[in-house]
Amino acid sequence: MNCFEQHGIAHLSPSTCNTFAAAPAAFVLQKLLGQRSSVGAAAHRGTAVEAGVVVGLSGGSRSDAVGEAKSTYSKLTALNADPSRDKEAAALEPMVMQALDELEPYGPPTSTQGKVEWWIEGIPVPMIGFYDFEWANHGTLVDLKTTHYLPSKVKTPHARQVALYYAARPGLTDARLCYATPKKCAVYLLDTPEEHLKALENIARCMMKFLSVSNDPKELAHLVVPDVDSFYFNDPATRRSVYEVWGI
């Protein structure tokens, strides 16, 4: 067995690589020790807005799109105690509207939530991801991100993510990030996707070297130290696990 299989990792993803790069201790907790953090309302907001935008871009009315977003959010957060739940619920409709204003001129997408697979030289497991929207007739791929604060440029973790989709979809001429807030929306073209893909591949190789050190997840855990102020450890259950593993 290779080192990934020994640790129960059947495939990689941009999210896994970004977590390993930003917070190795969070990677250890999630992927090696099986500690799953609860998903906050903000993450469910993103999923819900995307569901609504899919409806709107596929021929549904604006009302249908907003209704789908609200219905999806309600289902995902039914048992969620996140204190920001109501705040995120209020952002659904304006975010859907902003995204549709920006993306409707593209026309109906040729595919949504498409799976991609990428093999990195020397890595024995594939990199898998799911893009949001593709317009194959225009050679364009767009990933939608929802946020309360509009960034002035593409965020690096998002760039790595979309670079994977771009590389794995032959025939594309450009890849873009659409950031939607309740008040405005912006689309940024991903420059030099090859560089971001190379970074993603280098992270995967570093991860392989790390996993090769030991078959024991607890031994690997003690090669890293968590930053307890990081948002990766905000969840109370995760915070308890940090204390149990590292004593801090």
C-alpha atoms as a PDB file:
ATOM      1  CA  MET A   1       0.000   0.000   0.000  1.00  0.00           C
ATOM      2  CA  ASN A   2       1.142   3.555  -0.684  1.00  0.00           C
ATOM      3  CA  CYS A   3       1.276   6.115   2.118  1.00  0.00           C
ATOM      4  CA  PHE A   4      -2.071   7.650   1.155  1.00  0.00           C
ATOM      5  CA  GLU A   5      -3.877   4.321   1.276  1.00  0.00           C
ATOM      6  CA  GLN A   6      -2.182   3.468   4.569  1.00  0.00           C
ATOM      7  CA  HIS A   7      -3.832   6.546   6.038  1.00  0.00           C
ATOM      8  CA  GLY A   8      -7.204   5.907   4.404  1.00  0.00           C
ATOM      9  CA  ILE A   9      -6.895   8.629   1.765  1.00  0.00           C
ATOM     10  CA  ALA A  10      -8.293   7.384  -1.540  1.00  0.00           C
ATOM     11  CA  HIS A  11      -8.047  10.701  -3.362  1.00  0.00           C
ATOM     12  CA  LEU A  12      -6.977  14.303  -2.883  1.00  0.00           C
ATOM     13  CA  SER A  13      -8.886  17.526  -3.473  1.00  0.00           C
ATOM     14  CA  PRO A  14      -7.989  21.215  -3.659  1.00  0.00           C
ATOM     15  CA  SER A  15      -9.696  21.676  -0.293  1.00  0.00           C
ATOM     16  CA  THR A  16      -7.554  18.983   1.336  1.00  0.00           C
ATOM     17  CA  CYS A  17      -4.383  20.471  -0.136  1.00  0.00           C
ATOM     18  CA  ASN A  18      -5.331  23.983   0.951  1.00  0.00           C
ATOM     19  CA  THR A  19      -5.998  22.756   4.484  1.00  0.00           C
ATOM     20  CA  PHE A  20      -2.653  20.941   4.597  1.00  0.00           C
ATOM     21  CA  ALA A  21      -0.870  24.105   3.428  1.00  0.00           C
ATOM     22  CA  ALA A  22      -2.675  26.491   5.789  1.00  0.00           C
ATOM     23  CA  ALA A  23      -3.096  24.326   8.895  1.00  0.00           C
ATOM     24  CA  PRO A  24      -1.318  20.938   8.896  1.00  0.00           C
ATOM     25  CA  ALA A  25      -2.761  20.163  12.321  1.00  0.00           C
ATOM     26  CA  ALA A  26      -6.288  20.593  10.967  1.00  0.00           C
ATOM     27  CA  PHE A  27      -5.387  18.214   8.130  1.00  0.00           C
ATOM     28  CA  VAL A  28      -4.188  15.655  10.690  1.00  0.00           C
ATOM     29  CA  LEU A  29      -7.389  15.970  12.729  1.00  0.00           C
ATOM     30  CA  GLN A  30      -9.707  15.735   9.755  1.00  0.00           C
ATOM     31  CA  LYS A  31      -8.032  13.238   7.453  1.00  0.00           C
ATOM     32  CA  LEU A  32      -5.880  11.078   9.748  1.00  0.00           C
ATOM     33  CA  LEU A  33      -7.682  11.106  13.090  1.00  0.00           C
ATOM     34  CA  GLY A  34     -11.211  11.282  11.694  1.00  0.00           C
ATOM     35  CA  GLN A  35     -12.318  14.411  13.556  1.00  0.00           C
ATOM     36  CA  ARG A  36     -15.075  16.086  11.556  1.00  0.00           C
ATOM     37  CA  SER A  37     -15.895  19.706  12.347  1.00  0.00           C
ATOM     38  CA  SER A  38     -19.494  20.837  12.130  1.00  0.00           C
ATOM     39  CA  VAL A  39     -20.258  22.911   9.052  1.00  0.00           C
ATOM     40  CA  GLY A  40     -21.207  26.497   9.808  1.00  0.00           C
ATOM     41  CA  ALA A  41     -24.094  28.477   8.391  1.00  0.00           C
ATOM     42  CA  ALA A  42     -21.787  30.378   6.022  1.00  0.00           C
ATOM     43  CA  ALA A  43     -20.812  27.180   4.203  1.00  0.00           C
ATOM     44  CA  HIS A  44     -24.469  26.175   3.873  1.00  0.00           C
ATOM     45  CA  ARG A  45     -25.219  29.676   2.572  1.00  0.00           C
ATOM     46  CA  GLY A  46     -22.768  29.109  -0.264  1.00  0.00           C
ATOM     47  CA  THR A  47     -24.310  25.758  -1.182  1.00  0.00           C
ATOM     48  CA  ALA A  48     -27.818  27.220  -1.066  1.00  0.00           C
ATOM     49  CA  VAL A  49     -26.994  30.262  -3.191  1.00  0.00           C
ATOM     50  CA  GLU A  50     -25.362  28.045  -5.799  1.00  0.00           C
ATOM     51  CA  ALA A  51     -28.471  25.835  -5.920  1.00  0.00           C
ATOM     52  CA  GLY A  52     -30.608  28.903  -6.512  1.00  0.00           C
ATOM     53  CA  VAL A  53     -28.323  30.277  -9.209  1.00  0.00           C
ATOM     54  CA  VAL A  54     -28.399  26.930 -11.028  1.00  0.00           C
ATOM     55  CA  VAL A  55     -32.199  27.190 -11.170  1.00  0.00           C
ATOM     56  CA  GLY A  56     -32.057  30.777 -12.395  1.00  0.00           C
ATOM     57  CA  LEU A  57     -29.473  30.080 -15.103  1.00  0.00           C
ATOM     58  CA  SER A  58     -31.337  26.979 -16.262  1.00  0.00           C
ATOM     59  CA  GLY A  59     -34.518  28.835 -17.182  1.00  0.00           C
ATOM     60  CA  GLY A  60     -36.237  29.250 -13.834  1.00  0.00           C
ATOM     61  CA  SER A  61     -37.633  32.575 -12.702  1.00  0.00           C
ATOM     62  CA  ARG A  62     -35.898  34.786 -10.165  1.00  0.00           C
ATOM     63  CA  SER A  63     -38.600  33.789  -7.702  1.00  0.00           C
ATOM     64  CA  ASP A  64     -37.904  30.109  -8.351  1.00  0.00           C
ATOM     65  CA  ALA A  65     -34.167  30.698  -7.898  1.00  0.00           C
ATOM     66  CA  VAL A  66     -34.601  32.442  -4.561  1.00  0.00           C
ATOM     67  CA  GLY A  67     -37.090  29.823  -3.433  1.00  0.00           C
ATOM     68  CA  GLU A  68     -34.629  27.035  -4.218  1.00  0.00           C
ATOM     69  CA  ALA A  69     -31.871  28.807  -2.297  1.00  0.00           C
ATOM     70  CA  LYS A  70     -34.092  29.285   0.756  1.00  0.00           C
ATOM     71  CA  SER A  71     -35.404  25.723   0.641  1.00  0.00           C
ATOM     72  CA  THR A  72     -31.890  24.274   0.335  1.00  0.00           C
ATOM     73  CA  TYR A  73     -30.613  26.435   3.181  1.00  0.00           C
ATOM     74  CA  SER A  74     -33.524  25.499   5.417  1.00  0.00           C
ATOM     75  CA  LYS A  75     -32.861  21.795   4.899  1.00  0.00           C
ATOM     76  CA  LEU A  76     -29.113  22.101   5.474  1.00  0.00           C
ATOM     77  CA  THR A  77     -29.437  24.186   8.638  1.00  0.00           C
ATOM     78  CA  ALA A  78     -32.463  22.479  10.194  1.00  0.00           C
ATOM     79  CA  LEU A  79     -30.437  21.272  13.194  1.00  0.00           C
ATOM     80  CA  ASN A  80     -27.669  23.867  13.017  1.00  0.00           C
ATOM     81  CA  ALA A  81     -27.105  25.947  16.152  1.00  0.00           C
ATOM     82  CA  ASP A  82     -24.757  28.454  14.492  1.00  0.00           C
ATOM     83  CA  PRO A  83     -25.646  31.912  15.900  1.00  0.00           C
ATOM     84  CA  SER A  84     -25.148  33.442  12.435  1.00  0.00           C
ATOM     85  CA  ARG A  85     -27.884  31.273  10.928  1.00  0.00           C
ATOM     86  CA  ASP A  86     -30.454  34.085  10.604  1.00  0.00           C
ATOM     87  CA  LYS A  87     -27.882  36.545   9.267  1.00  0.00           C
ATOM     88  CA  GLU A  88     -26.874  34.126   6.531  1.00  0.00           C
ATOM     89  CA  ALA A  89     -30.519  33.357   5.720  1.00  0.00           C
ATOM     90  CA  ALA A  90     -31.134  37.071   5.128  1.00  0.00           C
ATOM     91  CA  ALA A  91     -28.230  37.189   2.658  1.00  0.00           C
ATOM     92  CA  LEU A  92     -29.565  34.430   0.403  1.00  0.00           C
ATOM     93  CA  GLU A  93     -31.918  36.445  -1.787  1.00  0.00           C
ATOM     94  CA  PRO A  94     -29.611  39.412  -2.480  1.00  0.00           C
ATOM     95  CA  MET A  95     -26.673  37.100  -3.180  1.00  0.00           C
ATOM     96  CA  VAL A  96     -28.714  35.062  -5.651  1.00  0.00           C
ATOM     97  CA  MET A  97     -29.855  38.257  -7.374  1.00  0.00           C
ATOM     98  CA  GLN A  98     -26.332  39.656  -7.589  1.00  0.00           C
ATOM     99  CA  ALA A  99     -24.950  36.417  -9.035  1.00  0.00           C
ATOM    100  CA  LEU A 100     -27.739  36.120 -11.593  1.00  0.00           C
ATOM    101  CA  ASP A 101     -27.252  39.732 -12.699  1.00  0.00           C
ATOM    102  CA  GLU A 102     -23.627  38.884 -13.391  1.00  0.00           C
ATOM    103  CA  LEU A 103     -23.978  35.418 -14.910  1.00  0.00           C
ATOM    104  CA  GLU A 104     -27.249  35.523 -16.871  1.00  0.00           C
ATOM    105  CA  PRO A 105     -25.562  37.223 -19.875  1.00  0.00           C
ATOM    106  CA  TYR A 106     -23.455  34.052 -20.267  1.00  0.00           C
ATOM    107  CA  GLY A 107     -26.603  32.109 -21.156  1.00  0.00           C
ATOM    108  CA  PRO A 108     -27.579  28.673 -19.823  1.00  0.00           C
ATOM    109  CA  PRO A 109     -24.514  26.695 -18.681  1.00  0.00           C
ATOM    110  CA  THR A 110     -23.715  23.517 -20.576  1.00  0.00           C
ATOM    111  CA  SER A 111     -22.955  21.744 -17.289  1.00  0.00           C
ATOM    112  CA  THR A 112     -23.038  22.378 -13.543  1.00  0.00           C
ATOM    113  CA  GLN A 113     -21.340  20.658 -10.617  1.00  0.00           C
ATOM    114  CA  GLY A 114     -19.143  18.683 -12.980  1.00  0.00           C
ATOM    115  CA  LYS A 115     -16.625  16.232 -11.590  1.00  0.00           C
ATOM    116  CA  VAL A 116     -12.992  16.449 -12.692  1.00  0.00           C
ATOM    117  CA  GLU A 117     -10.084  14.112 -12.050  1.00  0.00           C
ATOM    118  CA  TRP A 118      -6.388  14.931 -12.360  1.00  0.00           C
ATOM    119  CA  TRP A 119      -3.370  12.689 -11.895  1.00  0.00           C
ATOM    120  CA  ILE A 120      -0.134  14.241 -10.665  1.00  0.00           C
ATOM    121  CA  GLU A 121       3.133  12.650 -11.668  1.00  0.00           C
ATOM    122  CA  GLY A 122       4.500  10.625  -8.771  1.00  0.00           C
ATOM    123  CA  ILE A 123       1.283  10.800  -6.720  1.00  0.00           C
ATOM    124  CA  PRO A 124      -0.506   7.420  -6.544  1.00  0.00           C
ATOM    125  CA  VAL A 125      -4.017   8.789  -5.930  1.00  0.00           C
ATOM    126  CA  PRO A 126      -6.040  11.184  -8.103  1.00  0.00           C
ATOM    127  CA  MET A 127      -6.960  14.782  -7.399  1.00  0.00           C
ATOM    128  CA  ILE A 128     -10.749  15.157  -7.618  1.00  0.00           C
ATOM    129  CA  GLY A 129     -12.901  18.277  -7.648  1.00  0.00           C
ATOM    130  CA  PHE A 130     -16.299  19.627  -8.713  1.00  0.00           C
ATOM    131  CA  TYR A 131     -16.638  22.869 -10.676  1.00  0.00           C
ATOM    132  CA  ASP A 132     -19.754  25.035 -10.453  1.00  0.00           C
ATOM    133  CA  PHE A 133     -20.581  26.216 -13.995  1.00  0.00           C
ATOM    134  CA  GLU A 134     -19.201  25.554 -17.450  1.00  0.00           C
ATOM    135  CA  TRP A 135     -20.094  27.154 -20.758  1.00  0.00           C
ATOM    136  CA  ALA A 136     -18.306  24.774 -23.120  1.00  0.00           C
ATOM    137  CA  ASN A 137     -19.658  26.679 -26.122  1.00  0.00           C
ATOM    138  CA  HIS A 138     -17.750  29.740 -24.910  1.00  0.00           C
ATOM    139  CA  GLY A 139     -14.762  27.863 -23.507  1.00  0.00           C
ATOM    140  CA  THR A 140     -15.489  29.358 -20.088  1.00  0.00           C
ATOM    141  CA  LEU A 141     -15.668  27.928 -16.576  1.00  0.00           C
ATOM    142  CA  VAL A 142     -16.884  29.896 -13.542  1.00  0.00           C
ATOM    143  CA  ASP A 143     -16.738  29.026  -9.863  1.00  0.00           C
ATOM    144  CA  LEU A 144     -19.139  30.902  -7.594  1.00  0.00           C
ATOM    145  CA  LYS A 145     -18.097  32.125  -4.153  1.00  0.00           C
ATOM    146  CA  THR A 146     -20.373  33.920  -1.688  1.00  0.00           C
ATOM    147  CA  THR A 147     -18.988  36.366   0.831  1.00  0.00           C
ATOM    148  CA  HIS A 148     -19.997  39.407   2.849  1.00  0.00           C
ATOM    149  CA  TYR A 149     -16.806  41.250   1.849  1.00  0.00           C
ATOM    150  CA  LEU A 150     -15.868  41.519  -1.809  1.00  0.00           C
ATOM    151  CA  PRO A 151     -12.176  40.703  -2.415  1.00  0.00           C
ATOM    152  CA  SER A 152     -10.197  42.880  -4.784  1.00  0.00           C
ATOM    153  CA  LYS A 153      -8.625  39.865  -6.476  1.00  0.00           C
ATOM    154  CA  VAL A 154      -8.817  36.081  -6.619  1.00  0.00           C
ATOM    155  CA  LYS A 155      -7.928  34.467  -3.309  1.00  0.00           C
ATOM    156  CA  THR A 156      -5.011  32.027  -3.545  1.00  0.00           C
ATOM    157  CA  PRO A 157      -6.855  28.911  -2.287  1.00  0.00           C
ATOM    158  CA  HIS A 158      -9.632  29.600  -4.787  1.00  0.00           C
ATOM    159  CA  ALA A 159      -7.073  30.075  -7.561  1.00  0.00           C
ATOM    160  CA  ARG A 160      -5.615  26.616  -6.887  1.00  0.00           C
ATOM    161  CA  GLN A 161      -9.077  25.112  -6.903  1.00  0.00           C
ATOM    162  CA  VAL A 162     -10.118  26.621 -10.223  1.00  0.00           C
ATOM    163  CA  ALA A 163      -6.719  25.909 -11.785  1.00  0.00           C
ATOM    164  CA  LEU A 164      -7.428  22.206 -11.278  1.00  0.00           C
ATOM    165  CA  TYR A 165     -10.779  22.494 -13.059  1.00  0.00           C
ATOM    166  CA  TYR A 166      -9.196  24.427 -15.896  1.00  0.00           C
ATOM    167  CA  ALA A 167      -6.458  21.828 -16.394  1.00  0.00           C
ATOM    168  CA  ALA A 168      -8.876  18.913 -16.297  1.00  0.00           C
ATOM    169  CA  ARG A 169     -11.346  20.353 -18.827  1.00  0.00           C
ATOM    170  CA  PRO A 170      -9.778  20.313 -22.314  1.00  0.00           C
ATOM    171  CA  GLY A 171     -10.937  23.053 -24.637  1.00  0.00           C
ATOM    172  CA  LEU A 172     -11.410  25.786 -22.065  1.00  0.00           C
ATOM    173  CA  THR A 173      -9.919  29.166 -22.892  1.00  0.00           C
ATOM    174  CA  ASP A 174     -10.467  30.854 -19.535  1.00  0.00           C
ATOM    175  CA  ALA A 175     -11.467  30.179 -15.942  1.00  0.00           C
ATOM    176  CA  ARG A 176     -13.106  32.745 -13.688  1.00  0.00           C
ATOM    177  CA  LEU A 177     -14.120  33.341 -10.082  1.00  0.00           C
ATOM    178  CA  CYS A 178     -17.452  35.014  -9.382  1.00  0.00           C
ATOM    179  CA  TYR A 179     -17.651  36.587  -5.909  1.00  0.00           C
ATOM    180  CA  ALA A 180     -21.190  37.526  -4.848  1.00  0.00           C
ATOM    181  CA  THR A 181     -22.045  39.644  -1.812  1.00  0.00           C
ATOM    182  CA  PRO A 182     -25.501  40.914  -0.822  1.00  0.00           C
ATOM    183  CA  LYS A 183     -24.728  44.294  -2.411  1.00  0.00           C
ATOM    184  CA  LYS A 184     -22.354  43.686  -5.299  1.00  0.00           C
ATOM    185  CA  CYS A 185     -20.696  41.057  -7.441  1.00  0.00           C
ATOM    186  CA  ALA A 186     -17.385  40.800  -9.271  1.00  0.00           C
ATOM    187  CA  VAL A 187     -15.890  38.299 -11.706  1.00  0.00           C
ATOM    188  CA  TYR A 188     -12.119  37.880 -11.927  1.00  0.00           C
ATOM    189  CA  LEU A 189     -10.245  36.032 -14.642  1.00  0.00           C
ATOM    190  CA  LEU A 190      -7.773  33.499 -13.293  1.00  0.00           C
ATOM    191  CA  ASP A 191      -4.357  34.552 -14.554  1.00  0.00           C
ATOM    192  CA  THR A 192      -1.551  32.000 -15.002  1.00  0.00           C
ATOM    193  CA  PRO A 193      -3.597  28.922 -14.025  1.00  0.00           C
ATOM    194  CA  GLU A 194      -0.541  26.785 -14.779  1.00  0.00           C
ATOM    195  CA  GLU A 195       1.343  28.374 -11.871  1.00  0.00           C
ATOM    196  CA  HIS A 196      -1.506  27.733  -9.450  1.00  0.00           C
ATOM    197  CA  LEU A 197      -1.817  24.145 -10.655  1.00  0.00           C
ATOM    198  CA  LYS A 198       1.915  23.659 -10.101  1.00  0.00           C
ATOM    199  CA  ALA A 199       1.522  24.985  -6.542  1.00  0.00           C
ATOM    200  CA  LEU A 200      -1.309  22.526  -5.925  1.00  0.00           C
ATOM    201  CA  GLU A 201       0.837  19.677  -7.206  1.00  0.00           C
ATOM    202  CA  ASN A 202       3.776  20.739  -5.026  1.00  0.00           C
ATOM    203  CA  ILE A 203       1.518  20.765  -1.963  1.00  0.00           C
ATOM    204  CA  ALA A 204       0.400  17.231  -2.810  1.00  0.00           C
ATOM    205  CA  ARG A 205       4.026  16.090  -3.015  1.00  0.00           C
ATOM    206  CA  CYS A 206       4.825  17.684   0.355  1.00  0.00           C
ATOM    207  CA  MET A 207       1.816  15.904   1.798  1.00  0.00           C
ATOM    208  CA  MET A 208       3.099  12.582   0.466  1.00  0.00           C
ATOM    209  CA  LYS A 209       6.482  13.142   2.118  1.00  0.00           C
ATOM    210  CA  PHE A 210       4.765  13.992   5.389  1.00  0.00           C
ATOM    211  CA  LEU A 211       2.563  10.889   5.302  1.00  0.00           C
ATOM    212  CA  SER A 212       5.566   8.711   4.442  1.00  0.00           C
ATOM    213  CA  VAL A 213       7.222   9.508   7.773  1.00  0.00           C
ATOM    214  CA  SER A 214       4.974   7.132   9.710  1.00  0.00           C
ATOM    215  CA  ASN A 215       1.941   4.879   9.460  1.00  0.00           C
ATOM    216  CA  ASP A 216       0.842   6.116  12.889  1.00  0.00           C
ATOM    217  CA  PRO A 217      -1.431   9.200  12.733  1.00  0.00           C
ATOM    218  CA  LYS A 218      -0.627  10.100  16.342  1.00  0.00           C
ATOM    219  CA  GLU A 219       3.080  10.184  15.582  1.00  0.00           C
ATOM    220  CA  LEU A 220       2.424  12.489  12.626  1.00  0.00           C
ATOM    221  CA  ALA A 221       0.215  14.666  14.831  1.00  0.00           C
ATOM    222  CA  HIS A 222       3.167  15.387  17.083  1.00  0.00           C
ATOM    223  CA  LEU A 223       5.213  16.678  14.153  1.00  0.00           C
ATOM    224  CA  VAL A 224       2.906  19.693  13.851  1.00  0.00           C
ATOM    225  CA  VAL A 225       1.458  22.242  16.282  1.00  0.00           C
ATOM    226  CA  PRO A 226      -2.019  23.808  15.873  1.00  0.00           C
ATOM    227  CA  ASP A 227      -2.609  27.537  15.940  1.00  0.00           C
ATOM    228  CA  VAL A 228      -5.534  27.461  18.355  1.00  0.00           C
ATOM    229  CA  ASP A 229      -6.697  30.932  17.245  1.00  0.00           C
ATOM    230  CA  SER A 230      -7.175  29.738  13.654  1.00  0.00           C
ATOM    231  CA  PHE A 231     -10.749  29.486  12.361  1.00  0.00           C
ATOM    232  CA  TYR A 232      -9.997  25.857  11.581  1.00  0.00           C
ATOM    233  CA  PHE A 233     -10.416  25.148  15.294  1.00  0.00           C
ATOM    234  CA  ASN A 234     -13.429  27.333  16.084  1.00  0.00           C
ATOM    235  CA  ASP A 235     -15.821  24.399  16.364  1.00  0.00           C
ATOM    236  CA  PRO A 236     -16.132  23.392  20.067  1.00  0.00           C
ATOM    237  CA  ALA A 237     -15.766  19.680  19.311  1.00  0.00           C
ATOM    238  CA  THR A 238     -12.662  20.344  17.239  1.00  0.00           C
ATOM    239  CA  ARG A 239     -11.253  22.553  19.983  1.00  0.00           C
ATOM    240  CA  ARG A 240     -11.697  19.718  22.472  1.00  0.00           C
ATOM    241  CA  SER A 241      -9.912  17.346  20.119  1.00  0.00           C
ATOM    242  CA  VAL A 242      -7.017  19.785  19.851  1.00  0.00           C
ATOM    243  CA  TYR A 243      -6.652  19.712  23.607  1.00  0.00           C
ATOM    244  CA  GLU A 244      -6.892  15.915  23.734  1.00  0.00           C
ATOM    245  CA  VAL A 245      -4.235  15.443  21.051  1.00  0.00           C
ATOM    246  CA  TRP A 246      -1.817  18.298  21.760  1.00  0.00           C
ATOM    247  CA  GLY A 247      -2.709  19.380  25.284  1.00  0.00           C
ATOM    248  CA  ILE A 248      -3.005  23.035  24.299  1.00  0.00           C
END
